[in-house]
Amino acid sequence: MKTLDVICAVLLAIGGINWGLVGFFDFNLISTIFAAVPASARVIYALVGLSALYEIGDFAFGYKAMRERWCEAHAVRH
């Protein structure tokens, strides 16, 4: 699960950077990189969206489990 957390964090960072570029400069980096294959850009957008849903669910319902995955000191005490 820790690997999935890292993958989701990276995807969310990519999505955040892309939205920042769109907001500040009207430049869509994902569409520019994947212009030759538009379906691949849609896949990236879908993965970013799924990552957001995963993180929302993890924070809302699985915070204790996430904390135990990431905080070894906490896990050692219990």
N, C-alpha and C. Protein backbone atom coordinates (compact mmCIF):
# COMPACT_ATOMS: atom_id res chain seq x y z
N MET A 1 0.82 -1.20 0.00
CA MET A 1 0.00 0.00 0.00
C MET A 1 0.86 1.26 0.00
N LYS A 2 2.04 1.16 0.59
CA LYS A 2 2.90 2.33 0.64
C LYS A 2 3.29 2.76 -0.78
N THR A 3 3.50 1.78 -1.67
CA THR A 3 3.83 2.09 -3.05
C THR A 3 2.67 2.81 -3.73
N LEU A 4 1.46 2.35 -3.48
CA LEU A 4 0.28 3.01 -4.04
C LEU A 4 0.16 4.45 -3.55
N ASP A 5 0.49 4.67 -2.28
CA ASP A 5 0.47 6.04 -1.73
C ASP A 5 1.45 6.94 -2.48
N VAL A 6 2.62 6.43 -2.77
CA VAL A 6 3.64 7.22 -3.48
C VAL A 6 3.20 7.50 -4.91
N ILE A 7 2.67 6.49 -5.59
CA ILE A 7 2.20 6.67 -6.96
C ILE A 7 1.09 7.72 -7.00
N CYS A 8 0.17 7.64 -6.07
CA CYS A 8 -0.92 8.62 -6.02
C CYS A 8 -0.40 10.02 -5.73
N ALA A 9 0.57 10.13 -4.85
CA ALA A 9 1.14 11.44 -4.54
C ALA A 9 1.82 12.04 -5.77
N VAL A 10 2.54 11.23 -6.52
CA VAL A 10 3.21 11.71 -7.73
C VAL A 10 2.17 12.16 -8.76
N LEU A 11 1.13 11.35 -8.95
CA LEU A 11 0.09 11.72 -9.91
C LEU A 11 -0.62 13.01 -9.49
N LEU A 12 -0.85 13.17 -8.20
CA LEU A 12 -1.49 14.40 -7.73
C LEU A 12 -0.58 15.61 -7.91
N ALA A 13 0.72 15.42 -7.74
CA ALA A 13 1.66 16.52 -7.97
C ALA A 13 1.66 16.90 -9.46
N ILE A 14 1.64 15.90 -10.34
CA ILE A 14 1.58 16.18 -11.78
C ILE A 14 0.30 16.93 -12.11
N GLY A 15 -0.81 16.47 -11.56
CA GLY A 15 -2.08 17.15 -11.80
C GLY A 15 -2.09 18.57 -11.27
N GLY A 16 -1.52 18.77 -10.09
CA GLY A 16 -1.46 20.11 -9.51
C GLY A 16 -0.60 21.05 -10.32
N ILE A 17 0.53 20.56 -10.78
CA ILE A 17 1.41 21.39 -11.62
C ILE A 17 0.71 21.74 -12.92
N ASN A 18 0.04 20.75 -13.50
CA ASN A 18 -0.68 21.01 -14.76
C ASN A 18 -1.77 22.06 -14.56
N TRP A 19 -2.56 21.94 -13.49
CA TRP A 19 -3.61 22.93 -13.24
C TRP A 19 -3.02 24.31 -12.94
N GLY A 20 -1.89 24.34 -12.27
CA GLY A 20 -1.22 25.63 -12.03
C GLY A 20 -0.79 26.29 -13.32
N LEU A 21 -0.23 25.48 -14.22
CA LEU A 21 0.18 26.02 -15.52
C LEU A 21 -1.03 26.50 -16.33
N VAL A 22 -2.13 25.76 -16.25
CA VAL A 22 -3.34 26.18 -16.95
C VAL A 22 -3.86 27.49 -16.37
N GLY A 23 -3.88 27.58 -15.05
CA GLY A 23 -4.40 28.78 -14.39
C GLY A 23 -3.56 30.02 -14.60
N PHE A 24 -2.24 29.87 -14.52
CA PHE A 24 -1.36 31.03 -14.62
C PHE A 24 -1.00 31.41 -16.05
N PHE A 25 -0.80 30.39 -16.89
CA PHE A 25 -0.26 30.66 -18.23
C PHE A 25 -1.13 30.16 -19.37
N ASP A 26 -2.29 29.58 -19.06
CA ASP A 26 -3.17 29.00 -20.08
C ASP A 26 -2.39 27.99 -20.93
N PHE A 27 -1.57 27.17 -20.27
CA PHE A 27 -0.74 26.17 -20.94
C PHE A 27 -1.01 24.81 -20.31
N ASN A 28 -1.51 23.87 -21.12
CA ASN A 28 -1.82 22.54 -20.64
C ASN A 28 -0.66 21.61 -20.99
N LEU A 29 0.17 21.31 -20.01
CA LEU A 29 1.37 20.50 -20.23
C LEU A 29 1.03 19.08 -20.66
N ILE A 30 0.03 18.47 -20.05
CA ILE A 30 -0.34 17.09 -20.38
C ILE A 30 -0.80 17.00 -21.83
N SER A 31 -1.65 17.92 -22.26
CA SER A 31 -2.11 17.91 -23.65
C SER A 31 -0.96 18.17 -24.62
N THR A 32 -0.03 19.00 -24.22
CA THR A 32 1.12 19.29 -25.07
C THR A 32 2.02 18.07 -25.22
N ILE A 33 2.29 17.39 -24.11
CA ILE A 33 3.18 16.22 -24.16
C ILE A 33 2.54 15.07 -24.94
N PHE A 34 1.25 14.87 -24.72
CA PHE A 34 0.57 13.73 -25.33
C PHE A 34 -0.33 14.15 -26.50
N ALA A 35 0.05 15.18 -27.23
CA ALA A 35 -0.77 15.68 -28.34
C ALA A 35 -0.91 14.65 -29.45
N ALA A 36 0.11 13.85 -29.68
CA ALA A 36 0.07 12.86 -30.76
C ALA A 36 -0.93 11.74 -30.47
N VAL A 37 -1.12 11.43 -29.18
CA VAL A 37 -2.04 10.36 -28.79
C VAL A 37 -3.01 10.92 -27.75
N PRO A 38 -4.09 11.54 -28.18
CA PRO A 38 -5.01 12.18 -27.23
C PRO A 38 -5.60 11.22 -26.20
N ALA A 39 -5.75 9.96 -26.54
CA ALA A 39 -6.29 8.98 -25.59
C ALA A 39 -5.36 8.82 -24.39
N SER A 40 -4.06 8.96 -24.60
CA SER A 40 -3.13 8.82 -23.47
C SER A 40 -3.28 9.99 -22.49
N ALA A 41 -3.59 11.17 -22.99
CA ALA A 41 -3.83 12.31 -22.10
C ALA A 41 -5.06 12.05 -21.25
N ARG A 42 -6.09 11.47 -21.84
CA ARG A 42 -7.31 11.13 -21.08
C ARG A 42 -7.00 10.11 -20.00
N VAL A 43 -6.12 9.17 -20.30
CA VAL A 43 -5.73 8.16 -19.30
C VAL A 43 -5.02 8.83 -18.14
N ILE A 44 -4.13 9.78 -18.43
CA ILE A 44 -3.43 10.51 -17.37
C ILE A 44 -4.42 11.27 -16.51
N TYR A 45 -5.37 11.97 -17.15
CA TYR A 45 -6.38 12.70 -16.40
C TYR A 45 -7.20 11.76 -15.52
N ALA A 46 -7.55 10.60 -16.05
CA ALA A 46 -8.34 9.63 -15.29
C ALA A 46 -7.53 9.11 -14.10
N LEU A 47 -6.24 8.84 -14.29
CA LEU A 47 -5.40 8.36 -13.19
C LEU A 47 -5.24 9.42 -12.11
N VAL A 48 -5.11 10.68 -12.51
CA VAL A 48 -5.02 11.76 -11.53
C VAL A 48 -6.33 11.85 -10.73
N GLY A 49 -7.46 11.74 -11.42
CA GLY A 49 -8.75 11.75 -10.74
C GLY A 49 -8.92 10.59 -9.78
N LEU A 50 -8.53 9.39 -10.20
CA LEU A 50 -8.60 8.23 -9.31
C LEU A 50 -7.67 8.38 -8.11
N SER A 51 -6.51 8.97 -8.35
CA SER A 51 -5.58 9.22 -7.24
C SER A 51 -6.18 10.17 -6.22
N ALA A 52 -6.87 11.19 -6.70
CA ALA A 52 -7.53 12.13 -5.80
C ALA A 52 -8.60 11.42 -4.97
N LEU A 53 -9.39 10.58 -5.61
CA LEU A 53 -10.43 9.84 -4.88
C LEU A 53 -9.81 8.90 -3.85
N TYR A 54 -8.72 8.25 -4.22
CA TYR A 54 -8.03 7.36 -3.29
C TYR A 54 -7.53 8.14 -2.07
N GLU A 55 -6.91 9.28 -2.32
CA GLU A 55 -6.38 10.08 -1.21
C GLU A 55 -7.50 10.63 -0.33
N ILE A 56 -8.60 11.06 -0.93
CA ILE A 56 -9.74 11.53 -0.14
C ILE A 56 -10.25 10.40 0.75
N GLY A 57 -10.41 9.23 0.17
CA GLY A 57 -10.85 8.08 0.94
C GLY A 57 -9.88 7.70 2.03
N ASP A 58 -8.60 7.77 1.73
CA ASP A 58 -7.57 7.42 2.71
C ASP A 58 -7.58 8.40 3.88
N PHE A 59 -7.72 9.68 3.58
CA PHE A 59 -7.76 10.67 4.66
C PHE A 59 -9.05 10.60 5.45
N ALA A 60 -10.15 10.36 4.77
CA ALA A 60 -11.45 10.38 5.44
C ALA A 60 -11.71 9.11 6.24
N PHE A 61 -11.33 7.96 5.69
CA PHE A 61 -11.71 6.70 6.31
C PHE A 61 -10.54 5.85 6.79
N GLY A 62 -9.36 6.07 6.24
CA GLY A 62 -8.24 5.21 6.59
C GLY A 62 -7.06 5.95 7.15
N TYR A 63 -7.30 7.07 7.83
CA TYR A 63 -6.19 7.88 8.31
C TYR A 63 -5.30 7.11 9.27
N LYS A 64 -5.90 6.34 10.17
CA LYS A 64 -5.11 5.59 11.14
C LYS A 64 -4.23 4.56 10.43
N ALA A 65 -4.78 3.87 9.46
CA ALA A 65 -4.00 2.88 8.71
C ALA A 65 -2.87 3.55 7.93
N MET A 66 -3.16 4.73 7.34
CA MET A 66 -2.13 5.44 6.59
C MET A 66 -1.02 5.91 7.53
N ARG A 67 -1.40 6.40 8.68
CA ARG A 67 -0.39 6.86 9.65
C ARG A 67 0.49 5.70 10.08
N GLU A 68 -0.09 4.53 10.28
CA GLU A 68 0.70 3.37 10.69
C GLU A 68 1.63 2.91 9.57
N ARG A 69 1.20 3.06 8.31
CA ARG A 69 2.06 2.69 7.18
C ARG A 69 3.28 3.59 7.11
N TRP A 70 3.10 4.89 7.38
CA TRP A 70 4.16 5.85 7.16
C TRP A 70 4.97 6.18 8.41
N CYS A 71 4.42 6.03 9.56
CA CYS A 71 5.11 6.40 10.80
C CYS A 71 5.60 5.16 11.51
N GLU A 72 6.82 4.76 11.22
CA GLU A 72 7.38 3.54 11.81
C GLU A 72 7.48 3.67 13.33
N ALA A 73 7.80 4.86 13.81
CA ALA A 73 7.92 5.05 15.26
C ALA A 73 6.59 4.78 15.93
N HIS A 74 5.51 5.21 15.30
CA HIS A 74 4.16 4.96 15.84
C HIS A 74 3.87 3.47 15.86
N ALA A 75 4.25 2.77 14.79
CA ALA A 75 3.98 1.33 14.69
C ALA A 75 4.81 0.55 15.71
N VAL A 76 6.02 1.02 16.02
CA VAL A 76 6.89 0.31 16.96
C VAL A 76 6.32 0.42 18.38
N ARG A 77 5.72 1.56 18.72
CA ARG A 77 5.18 1.75 20.06
C ARG A 77 3.98 0.85 20.33
N HIS A 78 3.27 0.46 19.30
CA HIS A 78 2.06 -0.33 19.51
C HIS A 78 2.33 -1.78 19.38
